[in-house]
Amino acid sequence: MKTTPRRHLQLTFWIACLTLCIAALIPTDQLPSLITTWWDKAQHALAFATLYALGAWAYPARRTALAISLLVLGMLIELAQGATGWRQCDLADWVADGVGVAIAISALKACAMLKRSPQPGTEMG
């Protein structure tokens, strides 16, 4: 079976999802200090923006389902964290996940609009 760039993106997306889930559920004292010193909400937004971007490139025809699925994943992670006993469920973290998805959606739309806009110095019409 021949692998394509799209397959590589899909694999990267799923590895990133799995990595995020593992990192979100292990005790924070087992994470590298760099990960736990950033502002928590920024980490959430960055992680989910990255997941959305990877997913959008890997599955370009499924962007709406991707956004909804990532929001559900964020909620499930928060609920699982609350059940661990060593992490806590935080609604603000889930909101930050949604902000990250929204940022990625906006950034990808802006990039698409820039690609379609006429280049300076070209004739229109």
N, C-alpha and C. Protein backbone atom coordinates (compact mmCIF):
# COMPACT_ATOMS: atom_id res chain seq x y z
N MET A 1 0.85 -1.17 0.00
CA MET A 1 0.00 0.00 0.00
C MET A 1 0.90 1.24 0.00
N LYS A 2 0.63 2.12 -0.92
CA LYS A 2 1.42 3.34 -1.05
C LYS A 2 0.85 4.42 -0.13
N THR A 3 1.72 5.06 0.64
CA THR A 3 1.25 6.14 1.50
C THR A 3 1.34 7.46 0.74
N THR A 4 0.39 8.31 1.03
CA THR A 4 0.32 9.62 0.38
C THR A 4 0.57 10.69 1.44
N PRO A 5 0.85 11.92 0.99
CA PRO A 5 0.99 13.01 1.97
C PRO A 5 -0.25 13.16 2.85
N ARG A 6 -1.44 12.93 2.28
CA ARG A 6 -2.67 13.03 3.07
C ARG A 6 -2.68 11.97 4.17
N ARG A 7 -2.23 10.77 3.85
CA ARG A 7 -2.17 9.70 4.86
C ARG A 7 -1.20 10.08 5.98
N HIS A 8 -0.09 10.70 5.63
CA HIS A 8 0.87 11.14 6.65
C HIS A 8 0.25 12.19 7.56
N LEU A 9 -0.51 13.11 6.96
CA LEU A 9 -1.21 14.12 7.76
C LEU A 9 -2.24 13.48 8.68
N GLN A 10 -2.96 12.50 8.15
CA GLN A 10 -3.96 11.82 8.97
C GLN A 10 -3.30 11.10 10.15
N LEU A 11 -2.20 10.42 9.88
CA LEU A 11 -1.48 9.73 10.95
C LEU A 11 -0.96 10.73 11.98
N THR A 12 -0.42 11.84 11.50
CA THR A 12 0.08 12.88 12.41
C THR A 12 -1.05 13.44 13.28
N PHE A 13 -2.21 13.67 12.67
CA PHE A 13 -3.36 14.16 13.42
C PHE A 13 -3.74 13.20 14.54
N TRP A 14 -3.84 11.91 14.21
CA TRP A 14 -4.27 10.94 15.23
C TRP A 14 -3.22 10.74 16.31
N ILE A 15 -1.96 10.81 15.95
CA ILE A 15 -0.89 10.73 16.97
C ILE A 15 -0.96 11.95 17.88
N ALA A 16 -1.22 13.12 17.31
CA ALA A 16 -1.34 14.34 18.11
C ALA A 16 -2.54 14.24 19.06
N CYS A 17 -3.66 13.71 18.59
CA CYS A 17 -4.83 13.53 19.45
C CYS A 17 -4.51 12.60 20.62
N LEU A 18 -3.87 11.49 20.31
CA LEU A 18 -3.52 10.52 21.35
C LEU A 18 -2.54 11.13 22.35
N THR A 19 -1.55 11.85 21.85
CA THR A 19 -0.55 12.48 22.72
C THR A 19 -1.23 13.49 23.65
N LEU A 20 -2.14 14.28 23.10
CA LEU A 20 -2.86 15.26 23.92
C LEU A 20 -3.66 14.56 25.02
N CYS A 21 -4.35 13.50 24.67
CA CYS A 21 -5.16 12.79 25.66
C CYS A 21 -4.29 12.21 26.77
N ILE A 22 -3.16 11.65 26.42
CA ILE A 22 -2.26 11.10 27.43
C ILE A 22 -1.73 12.21 28.33
N ALA A 23 -1.25 13.29 27.71
CA ALA A 23 -0.70 14.41 28.49
C ALA A 23 -1.77 15.03 29.39
N ALA A 24 -3.01 15.03 28.96
CA ALA A 24 -4.08 15.64 29.74
C ALA A 24 -4.49 14.79 30.94
N LEU A 25 -4.16 13.51 30.90
CA LEU A 25 -4.66 12.63 31.95
C LEU A 25 -3.59 12.14 32.92
N ILE A 26 -2.33 12.31 32.60
CA ILE A 26 -1.31 11.88 33.57
C ILE A 26 -1.13 12.96 34.62
N PRO A 27 -0.65 12.58 35.80
CA PRO A 27 -0.43 13.61 36.85
C PRO A 27 0.54 14.68 36.36
N THR A 28 0.27 15.93 36.72
CA THR A 28 1.09 17.04 36.25
C THR A 28 2.54 16.94 36.72
N ASP A 29 2.79 16.28 37.84
CA ASP A 29 4.17 16.16 38.30
C ASP A 29 4.99 15.21 37.42
N GLN A 30 4.35 14.48 36.53
CA GLN A 30 5.05 13.59 35.60
C GLN A 30 5.27 14.24 34.24
N LEU A 31 4.81 15.48 34.06
CA LEU A 31 5.00 16.20 32.81
C LEU A 31 6.28 17.02 32.89
N PRO A 32 6.94 17.26 31.76
CA PRO A 32 8.11 18.15 31.78
C PRO A 32 7.71 19.53 32.30
N SER A 33 8.62 20.18 33.02
CA SER A 33 8.29 21.46 33.64
C SER A 33 7.91 22.52 32.61
N LEU A 34 8.47 22.47 31.41
CA LEU A 34 8.12 23.43 30.37
C LEU A 34 6.62 23.40 30.09
N ILE A 35 6.05 22.21 30.09
CA ILE A 35 4.62 22.07 29.77
C ILE A 35 3.77 22.67 30.88
N THR A 36 4.18 22.53 32.13
CA THR A 36 3.34 22.99 33.24
C THR A 36 3.61 24.43 33.64
N THR A 37 4.57 25.10 33.02
CA THR A 37 4.84 26.49 33.40
C THR A 37 4.13 27.50 32.51
N TRP A 38 3.67 27.12 31.34
CA TRP A 38 2.92 28.04 30.49
C TRP A 38 1.58 28.34 31.14
N TRP A 39 1.00 29.43 30.69
CA TRP A 39 -0.34 29.73 31.14
C TRP A 39 -1.28 28.65 30.62
N ASP A 40 -2.03 28.06 31.51
CA ASP A 40 -2.85 26.88 31.21
C ASP A 40 -3.84 27.10 30.06
N LYS A 41 -4.53 28.22 30.04
CA LYS A 41 -5.54 28.44 29.00
C LYS A 41 -4.89 28.62 27.63
N ALA A 42 -3.71 29.22 27.60
CA ALA A 42 -2.99 29.35 26.33
C ALA A 42 -2.57 27.98 25.80
N GLN A 43 -2.18 27.09 26.71
CA GLN A 43 -1.83 25.73 26.30
C GLN A 43 -3.02 25.04 25.64
N HIS A 44 -4.18 25.19 26.26
CA HIS A 44 -5.39 24.57 25.70
C HIS A 44 -5.70 25.14 24.32
N ALA A 45 -5.68 26.45 24.20
CA ALA A 45 -5.99 27.08 22.91
C ALA A 45 -4.99 26.66 21.84
N LEU A 46 -3.71 26.65 22.18
CA LEU A 46 -2.68 26.26 21.22
C LEU A 46 -2.82 24.80 20.80
N ALA A 47 -3.08 23.93 21.76
CA ALA A 47 -3.24 22.51 21.45
C ALA A 47 -4.41 22.26 20.51
N PHE A 48 -5.55 22.89 20.80
CA PHE A 48 -6.73 22.64 19.98
C PHE A 48 -6.67 23.37 18.64
N ALA A 49 -5.99 24.50 18.60
CA ALA A 49 -5.77 25.16 17.30
C ALA A 49 -4.90 24.27 16.42
N THR A 50 -3.87 23.69 17.01
CA THR A 50 -2.98 22.79 16.27
C THR A 50 -3.73 21.56 15.79
N LEU A 51 -4.53 20.96 16.68
CA LEU A 51 -5.30 19.78 16.27
C LEU A 51 -6.26 20.12 15.14
N TYR A 52 -6.93 21.28 15.24
CA TYR A 52 -7.86 21.64 14.16
C TYR A 52 -7.11 21.83 12.85
N ALA A 53 -5.99 22.53 12.88
CA ALA A 53 -5.23 22.77 11.64
C ALA A 53 -4.78 21.46 11.03
N LEU A 54 -4.22 20.58 11.84
CA LEU A 54 -3.79 19.27 11.33
C LEU A 54 -4.98 18.50 10.75
N GLY A 55 -6.07 18.48 11.50
CA GLY A 55 -7.26 17.76 11.05
C GLY A 55 -7.87 18.34 9.78
N ALA A 56 -7.84 19.66 9.68
CA ALA A 56 -8.40 20.32 8.48
C ALA A 56 -7.58 19.99 7.24
N TRP A 57 -6.27 19.89 7.40
CA TRP A 57 -5.42 19.51 6.26
C TRP A 57 -5.55 18.02 5.96
N ALA A 58 -5.73 17.22 7.00
CA ALA A 58 -5.83 15.78 6.81
C ALA A 58 -7.20 15.36 6.26
N TYR A 59 -8.24 16.06 6.67
CA TYR A 59 -9.61 15.74 6.28
C TYR A 59 -10.32 17.01 5.81
N PRO A 60 -9.92 17.57 4.67
CA PRO A 60 -10.44 18.87 4.25
C PRO A 60 -11.95 18.92 4.01
N ALA A 61 -12.56 17.82 3.70
CA ALA A 61 -14.00 17.81 3.44
C ALA A 61 -14.83 17.64 4.71
N ARG A 62 -14.18 17.49 5.86
CA ARG A 62 -14.89 17.19 7.10
C ARG A 62 -14.66 18.24 8.19
N ARG A 63 -14.49 19.49 7.80
CA ARG A 63 -14.10 20.53 8.75
C ARG A 63 -15.16 20.81 9.82
N THR A 64 -16.43 20.78 9.46
CA THR A 64 -17.47 21.02 10.46
C THR A 64 -17.49 19.89 11.48
N ALA A 65 -17.46 18.66 10.98
CA ALA A 65 -17.43 17.51 11.88
C ALA A 65 -16.17 17.53 12.75
N LEU A 66 -15.07 17.96 12.18
CA LEU A 66 -13.82 18.06 12.92
C LEU A 66 -13.95 19.04 14.08
N ALA A 67 -14.50 20.22 13.81
CA ALA A 67 -14.65 21.23 14.87
C ALA A 67 -15.54 20.71 16.00
N ILE A 68 -16.65 20.12 15.64
CA ILE A 68 -17.57 19.57 16.64
C ILE A 68 -16.89 18.45 17.42
N SER A 69 -16.20 17.57 16.73
CA SER A 69 -15.52 16.45 17.38
C SER A 69 -14.45 16.91 18.35
N LEU A 70 -13.71 17.95 17.97
CA LEU A 70 -12.68 18.46 18.87
C LEU A 70 -13.29 19.09 20.11
N LEU A 71 -14.43 19.77 19.97
CA LEU A 71 -15.10 20.32 21.14
C LEU A 71 -15.60 19.22 22.06
N VAL A 72 -16.11 18.14 21.47
CA VAL A 72 -16.54 16.99 22.28
C VAL A 72 -15.32 16.36 22.96
N LEU A 73 -14.22 16.21 22.24
CA LEU A 73 -13.00 15.67 22.82
C LEU A 73 -12.55 16.51 24.02
N GLY A 74 -12.57 17.83 23.86
CA GLY A 74 -12.18 18.72 24.96
C GLY A 74 -13.06 18.52 26.18
N MET A 75 -14.38 18.38 25.95
CA MET A 75 -15.30 18.16 27.06
C MET A 75 -15.02 16.81 27.73
N LEU A 76 -14.79 15.78 26.93
CA LEU A 76 -14.52 14.46 27.49
C LEU A 76 -13.21 14.44 28.28
N ILE A 77 -12.22 15.15 27.78
CA ILE A 77 -10.95 15.25 28.52
C ILE A 77 -11.18 15.91 29.88
N GLU A 78 -11.94 16.99 29.90
CA GLU A 78 -12.21 17.67 31.17
C GLU A 78 -12.96 16.75 32.13
N LEU A 79 -13.95 16.03 31.65
CA LEU A 79 -14.69 15.10 32.51
C LEU A 79 -13.77 13.99 33.02
N ALA A 80 -12.91 13.47 32.14
CA ALA A 80 -11.97 12.42 32.55
C ALA A 80 -10.97 12.96 33.58
N GLN A 81 -10.52 14.20 33.39
CA GLN A 81 -9.61 14.79 34.37
C GLN A 81 -10.27 14.88 35.74
N GLY A 82 -11.53 15.26 35.76
CA GLY A 82 -12.25 15.35 37.02
C GLY A 82 -12.40 14.01 37.71
N ALA A 83 -12.39 12.94 36.93
CA ALA A 83 -12.56 11.60 37.50
C ALA A 83 -11.24 10.97 37.95
N THR A 84 -10.10 11.59 37.59
CA THR A 84 -8.81 10.97 37.92
C THR A 84 -8.46 11.04 39.39
N GLY A 85 -8.85 12.10 40.05
CA GLY A 85 -8.45 12.28 41.44
C GLY A 85 -7.16 13.10 41.57
N TRP A 86 -6.39 13.21 40.49
CA TRP A 86 -5.16 14.02 40.54
C TRP A 86 -5.20 15.20 39.57
N ARG A 87 -6.22 15.29 38.76
CA ARG A 87 -6.44 16.45 37.89
C ARG A 87 -7.83 16.97 38.22
N GLN A 88 -8.19 18.12 37.67
CA GLN A 88 -9.52 18.66 37.93
C GLN A 88 -10.23 19.05 36.64
N CYS A 89 -11.54 18.97 36.68
CA CYS A 89 -12.37 19.39 35.56
C CYS A 89 -12.53 20.91 35.65
N ASP A 90 -12.28 21.61 34.54
CA ASP A 90 -12.35 23.07 34.54
C ASP A 90 -13.07 23.53 33.28
N LEU A 91 -14.25 24.11 33.45
CA LEU A 91 -15.03 24.58 32.32
C LEU A 91 -14.26 25.63 31.51
N ALA A 92 -13.45 26.44 32.16
CA ALA A 92 -12.67 27.46 31.46
C ALA A 92 -11.65 26.82 30.52
N ASP A 93 -11.14 25.65 30.87
CA ASP A 93 -10.22 24.94 29.97
C ASP A 93 -10.96 24.54 28.69
N TRP A 94 -12.18 24.08 28.83
CA TRP A 94 -12.97 23.68 27.67
C TRP A 94 -13.28 24.89 26.78
N VAL A 95 -13.56 26.03 27.41
CA VAL A 95 -13.78 27.26 26.64
C VAL A 95 -12.50 27.61 25.87
N ALA A 96 -11.35 27.47 26.52
CA ALA A 96 -10.07 27.75 25.85
C ALA A 96 -9.86 26.80 24.66
N ASP A 97 -10.29 25.55 24.81
CA ASP A 97 -10.21 24.61 23.68
C ASP A 97 -11.02 25.15 22.50
N GLY A 98 -12.22 25.62 22.79
CA GLY A 98 -13.08 26.18 21.74
C GLY A 98 -12.48 27.43 21.11
N VAL A 99 -11.84 28.26 21.92
CA VAL A 99 -11.17 29.45 21.39
C VAL A 99 -10.06 29.03 20.43
N GLY A 100 -9.32 28.01 20.79
CA GLY A 100 -8.26 27.51 19.91
C GLY A 100 -8.81 27.03 18.58
N VAL A 101 -9.91 26.29 18.62
CA VAL A 101 -10.54 25.82 17.38
C VAL A 101 -11.00 27.02 16.55
N ALA A 102 -11.61 28.00 17.19
CA ALA A 102 -12.09 29.19 16.47
C ALA A 102 -10.94 29.98 15.85
N ILE A 103 -9.84 30.08 16.57
CA ILE A 103 -8.66 30.78 16.03
C ILE A 103 -8.15 30.06 14.79
N ALA A 104 -8.05 28.73 14.87
CA ALA A 104 -7.56 27.97 13.72
C ALA A 104 -8.50 28.08 12.53
N ILE A 105 -9.80 28.01 12.78
CA ILE A 105 -10.77 28.17 11.68
C ILE A 105 -10.58 29.52 11.02
N SER A 106 -10.48 30.57 11.82
CA SER A 106 -10.31 31.92 11.28
C SER A 106 -9.01 32.06 10.51
N ALA A 107 -7.93 31.52 11.06
CA ALA A 107 -6.63 31.61 10.39
C ALA A 107 -6.64 30.89 9.05
N LEU A 108 -7.22 29.70 9.02
CA LEU A 108 -7.27 28.95 7.76
C LEU A 108 -8.17 29.64 6.73
N LYS A 109 -9.26 30.23 7.18
CA LYS A 109 -10.13 30.99 6.25
C LYS A 109 -9.39 32.21 5.71
N ALA A 110 -8.66 32.90 6.58
CA ALA A 110 -7.90 34.07 6.14
C ALA A 110 -6.85 33.68 5.12
N CYS A 111 -6.16 32.57 5.35
CA CYS A 111 -5.15 32.09 4.40
C CYS A 111 -5.80 31.75 3.06
N ALA A 112 -6.96 31.11 3.09
CA ALA A 112 -7.66 30.75 1.86
C ALA A 112 -8.08 32.01 1.10
N MET A 113 -8.54 33.03 1.82
CA MET A 113 -8.93 34.28 1.16
C MET A 113 -7.73 34.97 0.54
N LEU A 114 -6.60 34.95 1.22
CA LEU A 114 -5.38 35.57 0.67
C LEU A 114 -4.91 34.85 -0.58
N LYS A 115 -5.06 33.54 -0.61
CA LYS A 115 -4.66 32.77 -1.79
C LYS A 115 -5.54 33.12 -2.99
N ARG A 116 -6.81 33.45 -2.74
CA ARG A 116 -7.74 33.74 -3.83
C ARG A 116 -7.69 35.19 -4.28
N SER A 117 -7.16 36.08 -3.45
CA SER A 117 -7.18 37.51 -3.80
C SER A 117 -6.19 37.77 -4.92
N PRO A 118 -6.50 38.73 -5.79
CA PRO A 118 -5.59 39.04 -6.90
C PRO A 118 -4.27 39.59 -6.38
N GLN A 119 -3.22 39.26 -7.06
CA GLN A 119 -1.88 39.73 -6.69
C GLN A 119 -1.72 41.20 -7.11
N PRO A 120 -0.98 41.97 -6.33
CA PRO A 120 -0.74 43.37 -6.71
C PRO A 120 -0.11 43.46 -8.09
N GLY A 121 -0.57 44.40 -8.87
CA GLY A 121 -0.01 44.61 -10.19
C GLY A 121 -0.65 43.77 -11.28
N THR A 122 -1.62 42.90 -10.93
CA THR A 122 -2.28 42.12 -11.97
C THR A 122 -3.56 42.83 -12.36
N GLU A 123 -3.94 42.66 -13.60
CA GLU A 123 -5.15 43.28 -14.13
C GLU A 123 -6.37 42.50 -13.69
N MET A 124 -7.40 43.21 -13.35
CA MET A 124 -8.67 42.56 -13.02
C MET A 124 -9.63 42.81 -14.17
N GLY A 125 -10.44 41.85 -14.42
CA GLY A 125 -11.47 42.14 -15.34
C GLY A 125 -11.57 41.35 -16.52
